[in-house]
Amino acid sequence: MIVNRPKNTSKDIVEFVSYTGKYPNLCSGTLTLRIAGKEYRFGLDEKYPSFWMSGGSCSWSKGETVTEEWIIDCDDLPKHLIKYVDLIDQVINENIPFGCCGGCI
């Protein structure tokens, strides 16, 4: 799911390089992507901040977690990369297991 989608997107390639997030903090990793031939690192201690969050949920009453695709917020992407948001969304959801927003509990 993409929040604040821009109107124009590019057909240039976005490649998944790596992601360090893993259970129980799947959403807290460093994401490395190659975008239009240049490598970018996103995350807490990186040059670029994270722009994704878990689309999953946690049901406290049932003690269950639900995994869903990642949510991408275009407002958190560097402005020069927003045109690639559709490809970024596709690459993230194809390469990182869906989050559940409950692994940390």
N, C-alpha and C. Protein backbone atom coordinates (compact mmCIF):
# COMPACT_ATOMS: atom_id res chain seq x y z
N MET A 1 0.85 -1.16 0.00
CA MET A 1 0.00 0.00 0.00
C MET A 1 0.90 1.23 0.00
N ILE A 2 0.56 2.20 -0.80
CA ILE A 2 1.35 3.43 -0.89
C ILE A 2 0.49 4.59 -0.40
N VAL A 3 1.06 5.40 0.48
CA VAL A 3 0.38 6.58 0.99
C VAL A 3 0.96 7.80 0.29
N ASN A 4 0.13 8.73 -0.11
CA ASN A 4 0.57 9.97 -0.75
C ASN A 4 1.28 9.71 -2.08
N ARG A 5 0.70 8.87 -2.92
CA ARG A 5 1.29 8.50 -4.21
C ARG A 5 1.41 9.72 -5.13
N PRO A 6 2.58 9.90 -5.75
CA PRO A 6 2.72 10.98 -6.73
C PRO A 6 2.00 10.59 -8.02
N LYS A 7 1.73 11.58 -8.87
CA LYS A 7 1.00 11.30 -10.10
C LYS A 7 1.86 10.66 -11.18
N ASN A 8 3.13 10.98 -11.22
CA ASN A 8 4.01 10.45 -12.26
C ASN A 8 5.02 9.49 -11.66
N THR A 9 5.24 8.36 -12.35
CA THR A 9 6.25 7.40 -11.92
C THR A 9 7.17 7.11 -13.08
N SER A 10 8.34 6.61 -12.78
CA SER A 10 9.33 6.30 -13.79
C SER A 10 9.36 4.82 -14.07
N LYS A 11 9.79 4.46 -15.25
CA LYS A 11 9.94 3.05 -15.63
C LYS A 11 11.37 2.57 -15.41
N ASP A 12 12.25 3.42 -14.88
CA ASP A 12 13.63 3.01 -14.63
C ASP A 12 13.67 1.93 -13.57
N ILE A 13 14.75 1.19 -13.56
CA ILE A 13 14.84 0.00 -12.69
C ILE A 13 15.20 0.32 -11.25
N VAL A 14 14.59 -0.44 -10.36
CA VAL A 14 14.89 -0.42 -8.94
C VAL A 14 15.24 -1.85 -8.57
N GLU A 15 16.43 -2.05 -7.99
CA GLU A 15 16.89 -3.39 -7.64
C GLU A 15 17.03 -3.52 -6.14
N PHE A 16 16.57 -4.66 -5.62
CA PHE A 16 16.76 -4.99 -4.22
C PHE A 16 18.19 -5.48 -4.04
N VAL A 17 18.90 -4.93 -3.04
CA VAL A 17 20.26 -5.36 -2.74
C VAL A 17 20.25 -6.18 -1.44
N SER A 18 19.73 -5.59 -0.36
CA SER A 18 19.69 -6.33 0.91
C SER A 18 18.76 -5.64 1.90
N TYR A 19 18.42 -6.40 2.94
CA TYR A 19 17.64 -5.87 4.05
C TYR A 19 18.08 -6.60 5.31
N THR A 20 18.39 -5.87 6.38
CA THR A 20 18.92 -6.48 7.59
C THR A 20 17.86 -6.74 8.66
N GLY A 21 16.65 -6.24 8.48
CA GLY A 21 15.60 -6.45 9.47
C GLY A 21 15.22 -7.92 9.55
N LYS A 22 14.97 -8.39 10.77
CA LYS A 22 14.54 -9.77 10.96
C LYS A 22 13.74 -9.86 12.25
N TYR A 23 13.00 -10.93 12.41
CA TYR A 23 12.19 -11.15 13.59
C TYR A 23 13.07 -11.06 14.84
N PRO A 24 12.66 -10.40 15.88
CA PRO A 24 11.34 -9.84 16.11
C PRO A 24 11.20 -8.37 15.70
N ASN A 25 12.22 -7.78 15.09
CA ASN A 25 12.15 -6.39 14.64
C ASN A 25 12.27 -6.30 13.13
N LEU A 26 11.41 -6.98 12.43
CA LEU A 26 11.47 -7.01 10.97
C LEU A 26 11.41 -5.61 10.36
N CYS A 27 10.70 -4.72 10.98
CA CYS A 27 10.52 -3.38 10.41
C CYS A 27 11.69 -2.43 10.70
N SER A 28 12.69 -2.87 11.45
CA SER A 28 13.76 -1.96 11.88
C SER A 28 15.11 -2.19 11.20
N GLY A 29 15.11 -2.74 10.02
CA GLY A 29 16.37 -3.02 9.36
C GLY A 29 16.89 -1.89 8.50
N THR A 30 18.06 -2.13 7.94
CA THR A 30 18.64 -1.23 6.94
C THR A 30 18.31 -1.81 5.57
N LEU A 31 17.69 -1.00 4.75
CA LEU A 31 17.30 -1.39 3.40
C LEU A 31 18.29 -0.80 2.41
N THR A 32 18.85 -1.65 1.55
CA THR A 32 19.75 -1.18 0.51
C THR A 32 19.11 -1.49 -0.84
N LEU A 33 18.94 -0.44 -1.65
CA LEU A 33 18.37 -0.55 -2.99
C LEU A 33 19.31 0.08 -3.99
N ARG A 34 19.33 -0.44 -5.20
CA ARG A 34 20.03 0.20 -6.31
C ARG A 34 18.95 0.82 -7.18
N ILE A 35 18.98 2.14 -7.27
CA ILE A 35 17.95 2.88 -8.00
C ILE A 35 18.62 3.67 -9.11
N ALA A 36 18.24 3.36 -10.34
CA ALA A 36 18.83 4.00 -11.52
C ALA A 36 20.36 3.93 -11.47
N GLY A 37 20.88 2.78 -11.04
CA GLY A 37 22.31 2.54 -11.04
C GLY A 37 23.07 3.03 -9.83
N LYS A 38 22.41 3.71 -8.89
CA LYS A 38 23.08 4.23 -7.70
C LYS A 38 22.55 3.50 -6.47
N GLU A 39 23.45 3.15 -5.55
CA GLU A 39 23.05 2.43 -4.34
C GLU A 39 22.65 3.40 -3.24
N TYR A 40 21.51 3.09 -2.60
CA TYR A 40 20.97 3.90 -1.51
C TYR A 40 20.74 3.00 -0.31
N ARG A 41 21.06 3.52 0.89
CA ARG A 41 20.82 2.80 2.14
C ARG A 41 19.84 3.62 2.98
N PHE A 42 18.79 2.96 3.45
CA PHE A 42 17.74 3.59 4.23
C PHE A 42 17.65 2.91 5.59
N GLY A 43 17.39 3.68 6.62
CA GLY A 43 17.20 3.10 7.94
C GLY A 43 17.61 4.05 9.03
N LEU A 44 17.54 3.58 10.24
CA LEU A 44 17.77 4.40 11.43
C LEU A 44 19.13 5.10 11.43
N ASP A 45 20.19 4.39 11.13
CA ASP A 45 21.54 4.97 11.20
C ASP A 45 22.13 5.26 9.82
N GLU A 46 21.28 5.41 8.84
CA GLU A 46 21.75 5.63 7.46
C GLU A 46 21.52 7.06 7.01
N LYS A 47 22.08 7.41 5.86
CA LYS A 47 21.93 8.76 5.30
C LYS A 47 20.46 9.08 5.04
N TYR A 48 19.72 8.07 4.57
CA TYR A 48 18.30 8.27 4.26
C TYR A 48 17.44 7.54 5.29
N PRO A 49 16.39 8.19 5.79
CA PRO A 49 15.55 7.55 6.81
C PRO A 49 14.67 6.44 6.22
N SER A 50 14.11 5.63 7.09
CA SER A 50 13.18 4.61 6.63
C SER A 50 11.89 5.29 6.16
N PHE A 51 11.22 4.68 5.21
CA PHE A 51 9.99 5.22 4.63
C PHE A 51 8.89 4.16 4.58
N TRP A 52 9.15 3.01 5.20
CA TRP A 52 8.21 1.88 5.18
C TRP A 52 7.76 1.56 6.59
N MET A 53 6.59 0.94 6.67
CA MET A 53 6.08 0.46 7.96
C MET A 53 5.25 -0.78 7.71
N SER A 54 5.09 -1.55 8.73
CA SER A 54 4.32 -2.78 8.62
C SER A 54 2.86 -2.47 8.31
N GLY A 55 2.28 -3.23 7.41
CA GLY A 55 0.86 -3.11 7.14
C GLY A 55 0.06 -4.09 7.97
N GLY A 56 0.76 -4.92 8.74
CA GLY A 56 0.11 -5.93 9.56
C GLY A 56 -0.49 -5.35 10.82
N SER A 57 -1.08 -6.23 11.59
CA SER A 57 -1.71 -5.78 12.83
C SER A 57 -1.61 -6.86 13.89
N CYS A 58 -1.95 -6.47 15.10
CA CYS A 58 -1.90 -7.38 16.23
C CYS A 58 -3.24 -7.31 16.95
N SER A 59 -3.85 -8.44 17.18
CA SER A 59 -5.11 -8.51 17.92
C SER A 59 -4.80 -8.93 19.35
N TRP A 60 -4.81 -7.97 20.25
CA TRP A 60 -4.48 -8.26 21.64
C TRP A 60 -5.49 -9.22 22.26
N SER A 61 -6.75 -9.05 21.93
CA SER A 61 -7.78 -9.88 22.55
C SER A 61 -7.68 -11.35 22.10
N LYS A 62 -7.26 -11.58 20.86
CA LYS A 62 -7.13 -12.94 20.35
C LYS A 62 -5.71 -13.47 20.44
N GLY A 63 -4.77 -12.59 20.75
CA GLY A 63 -3.37 -13.00 20.82
C GLY A 63 -2.81 -13.41 19.47
N GLU A 64 -3.28 -12.79 18.40
CA GLU A 64 -2.85 -13.13 17.04
C GLU A 64 -2.20 -11.93 16.35
N THR A 65 -1.35 -12.22 15.42
CA THR A 65 -0.79 -11.19 14.55
C THR A 65 -1.18 -11.52 13.12
N VAL A 66 -1.34 -10.49 12.31
CA VAL A 66 -1.69 -10.63 10.91
C VAL A 66 -0.61 -9.97 10.07
N THR A 67 -0.05 -10.70 9.11
CA THR A 67 0.97 -10.12 8.24
C THR A 67 0.30 -9.53 7.01
N GLU A 68 0.80 -8.39 6.60
CA GLU A 68 0.29 -7.69 5.41
C GLU A 68 1.46 -7.03 4.70
N GLU A 69 1.23 -6.59 3.48
CA GLU A 69 2.29 -5.95 2.70
C GLU A 69 2.76 -4.67 3.39
N TRP A 70 3.95 -4.24 3.00
CA TRP A 70 4.57 -3.05 3.57
C TRP A 70 3.86 -1.80 3.09
N ILE A 71 3.80 -0.79 3.96
CA ILE A 71 3.22 0.50 3.62
C ILE A 71 4.36 1.46 3.35
N ILE A 72 4.31 2.12 2.21
CA ILE A 72 5.33 3.08 1.81
C ILE A 72 4.73 4.47 1.90
N ASP A 73 5.39 5.38 2.60
CA ASP A 73 4.91 6.76 2.69
C ASP A 73 5.81 7.64 1.84
N CYS A 74 5.25 8.14 0.76
CA CYS A 74 6.03 8.96 -0.18
C CYS A 74 6.59 10.22 0.47
N ASP A 75 5.92 10.73 1.49
CA ASP A 75 6.42 11.92 2.18
C ASP A 75 7.75 11.66 2.89
N ASP A 76 8.05 10.40 3.17
CA ASP A 76 9.30 10.06 3.86
C ASP A 76 10.42 9.67 2.90
N LEU A 77 10.11 9.54 1.61
CA LEU A 77 11.14 9.25 0.61
C LEU A 77 11.86 10.54 0.22
N PRO A 78 13.15 10.47 -0.08
CA PRO A 78 13.82 11.66 -0.61
C PRO A 78 13.09 12.11 -1.89
N LYS A 79 12.92 13.38 -2.04
CA LYS A 79 12.12 13.92 -3.14
C LYS A 79 12.57 13.42 -4.52
N HIS A 80 13.88 13.28 -4.72
CA HIS A 80 14.36 12.85 -6.03
C HIS A 80 14.08 11.38 -6.32
N LEU A 81 13.61 10.62 -5.33
CA LEU A 81 13.30 9.20 -5.52
C LEU A 81 11.80 8.91 -5.60
N ILE A 82 10.97 9.90 -5.35
CA ILE A 82 9.53 9.68 -5.34
C ILE A 82 9.04 9.15 -6.69
N LYS A 83 9.65 9.55 -7.77
CA LYS A 83 9.20 9.07 -9.08
C LYS A 83 9.36 7.56 -9.25
N TYR A 84 10.11 6.93 -8.36
CA TYR A 84 10.34 5.49 -8.42
C TYR A 84 9.46 4.71 -7.44
N VAL A 85 8.51 5.37 -6.79
CA VAL A 85 7.79 4.76 -5.67
C VAL A 85 7.08 3.46 -6.04
N ASP A 86 6.49 3.36 -7.21
CA ASP A 86 5.79 2.13 -7.58
C ASP A 86 6.76 0.95 -7.67
N LEU A 87 7.92 1.19 -8.24
CA LEU A 87 8.92 0.14 -8.35
C LEU A 87 9.53 -0.20 -6.99
N ILE A 88 9.75 0.82 -6.16
CA ILE A 88 10.26 0.59 -4.81
C ILE A 88 9.27 -0.26 -4.02
N ASP A 89 8.01 0.08 -4.09
CA ASP A 89 6.97 -0.69 -3.41
C ASP A 89 6.97 -2.14 -3.88
N GLN A 90 7.04 -2.35 -5.16
CA GLN A 90 7.04 -3.71 -5.72
C GLN A 90 8.25 -4.50 -5.25
N VAL A 91 9.43 -3.89 -5.30
CA VAL A 91 10.66 -4.58 -4.91
C VAL A 91 10.67 -4.92 -3.43
N ILE A 92 10.22 -4.01 -2.60
CA ILE A 92 10.17 -4.27 -1.16
C ILE A 92 9.22 -5.42 -0.85
N ASN A 93 8.03 -5.38 -1.42
CA ASN A 93 7.04 -6.41 -1.12
C ASN A 93 7.39 -7.77 -1.72
N GLU A 94 8.21 -7.80 -2.75
CA GLU A 94 8.65 -9.07 -3.33
C GLU A 94 9.84 -9.67 -2.58
N ASN A 95 10.59 -8.85 -1.84
CA ASN A 95 11.85 -9.32 -1.26
C ASN A 95 11.92 -9.33 0.26
N ILE A 96 11.01 -8.65 0.93
CA ILE A 96 11.03 -8.62 2.39
C ILE A 96 9.75 -9.28 2.88
N PRO A 97 9.86 -10.27 3.77
CA PRO A 97 8.66 -10.91 4.29
C PRO A 97 7.71 -9.86 4.89
N PHE A 98 6.43 -10.06 4.70
CA PHE A 98 5.45 -9.12 5.23
C PHE A 98 5.57 -9.02 6.74
N GLY A 99 5.37 -7.80 7.25
CA GLY A 99 5.43 -7.58 8.68
C GLY A 99 4.10 -7.86 9.35
N CYS A 100 4.16 -8.00 10.66
CA CYS A 100 2.93 -8.28 11.39
C CYS A 100 2.63 -7.26 12.46
N CYS A 101 3.52 -6.34 12.71
CA CYS A 101 3.31 -5.34 13.75
C CYS A 101 2.94 -6.01 15.07
N GLY A 102 3.75 -6.98 15.45
CA GLY A 102 3.49 -7.69 16.69
C GLY A 102 4.68 -8.52 17.15
N GLY A 103 5.69 -8.65 16.29
CA GLY A 103 6.86 -9.44 16.64
C GLY A 103 7.65 -8.87 17.80
N CYS A 104 7.52 -7.58 18.02
CA CYS A 104 8.26 -6.93 19.10
C CYS A 104 7.64 -7.15 20.47
N ILE A 105 6.40 -7.64 20.49
CA ILE A 105 5.72 -7.77 21.79
C ILE A 105 6.08 -9.06 22.49
